């Protein structure tokens, strides 16, 4: 089974979310955005910060 992963780094207002959804539709692969992090945080009772895999230090 072949797995395809495409990661899009984006900034606020860049349209990256729309581009990601268009690419996933065109390639017929699922698109996971911030909503999967939010759902994981709810299920595990963790913060979205913990679920996003951020390693930066909060200031």
Protein backbone atom coordinates (compact mmCIF):
# COMPACT_ATOMS: atom_id res chain seq x y z
CA UNK A 1 0.00 0.00 0.00
CA UNK A 2 1.43 3.36 -1.04
CA UNK A 3 1.00 6.37 1.23
CA UNK A 4 1.14 9.92 -0.08
CA UNK A 5 1.79 12.81 2.27
CA UNK A 6 1.82 16.41 1.14
CA UNK A 7 2.63 19.12 3.66
CA UNK A 8 1.80 22.73 2.93
CA UNK A 9 3.31 25.42 5.10
CA UNK A 10 1.22 28.54 5.00
CA UNK A 11 0.66 31.93 6.53
CA UNK A 12 -2.58 33.61 7.53
CA UNK A 13 -4.42 34.90 4.47
CA UNK A 14 -2.28 33.01 1.93
CA UNK A 15 -5.05 30.71 0.72
CA UNK A 16 -3.05 27.62 1.70
CA UNK A 17 -6.08 25.83 3.12
CA UNK A 18 -8.01 26.25 -0.13
CA UNK A 19 -5.01 25.13 -2.17
CA UNK A 20 -4.59 22.06 0.04
CA UNK A 21 -8.23 21.08 -0.39
CA UNK A 22 -8.01 21.55 -4.18
CA UNK A 23 -4.86 19.42 -4.39
CA UNK A 24 -6.39 16.65 -2.26
CA UNK A 25 -9.52 16.65 -4.40
CA UNK A 26 -7.50 16.58 -7.63
CA UNK A 27 -5.29 13.72 -6.38
CA UNK A 28 -8.20 11.93 -4.68
CA UNK A 29 -6.45 11.76 -1.31
CA UNK A 30 -7.80 12.85 2.08
CA UNK A 31 -6.99 16.31 3.38
CA UNK A 32 -6.32 16.80 7.08
CA UNK A 33 -6.14 20.33 8.36
CA UNK A 34 -6.22 21.94 11.78
CA UNK A 35 -9.53 20.21 12.54
CA UNK A 36 -7.76 16.87 13.09
CA UNK A 37 -5.56 18.47 15.76
CA UNK A 38 -8.64 19.94 17.46
CA UNK A 39 -10.47 16.59 17.38
CA UNK A 40 -7.42 14.76 18.76
CA UNK A 41 -7.16 17.27 21.59
CA UNK A 42 -10.81 16.74 22.51
CA UNK A 43 -10.56 12.94 22.44
CA UNK A 44 -7.34 12.82 24.49
CA UNK A 45 -8.20 15.71 26.84
CA UNK A 46 -4.93 17.39 25.83
CA UNK A 47 -4.29 20.90 24.61
CA UNK A 48 -4.14 21.67 20.89
CA UNK A 49 -0.56 22.83 21.53
CA UNK A 50 0.40 19.35 22.76
CA UNK A 51 -1.39 17.61 19.87
CA UNK A 52 0.16 19.77 17.16
CA UNK A 53 3.66 18.46 17.90
CA UNK A 54 5.05 21.93 18.54
CA UNK A 55 8.47 21.82 20.08
CA UNK A 56 8.86 25.57 20.46
CA UNK A 57 8.96 27.02 23.93
CA UNK A 58 5.97 29.10 24.94
CA UNK A 59 6.85 32.60 26.10
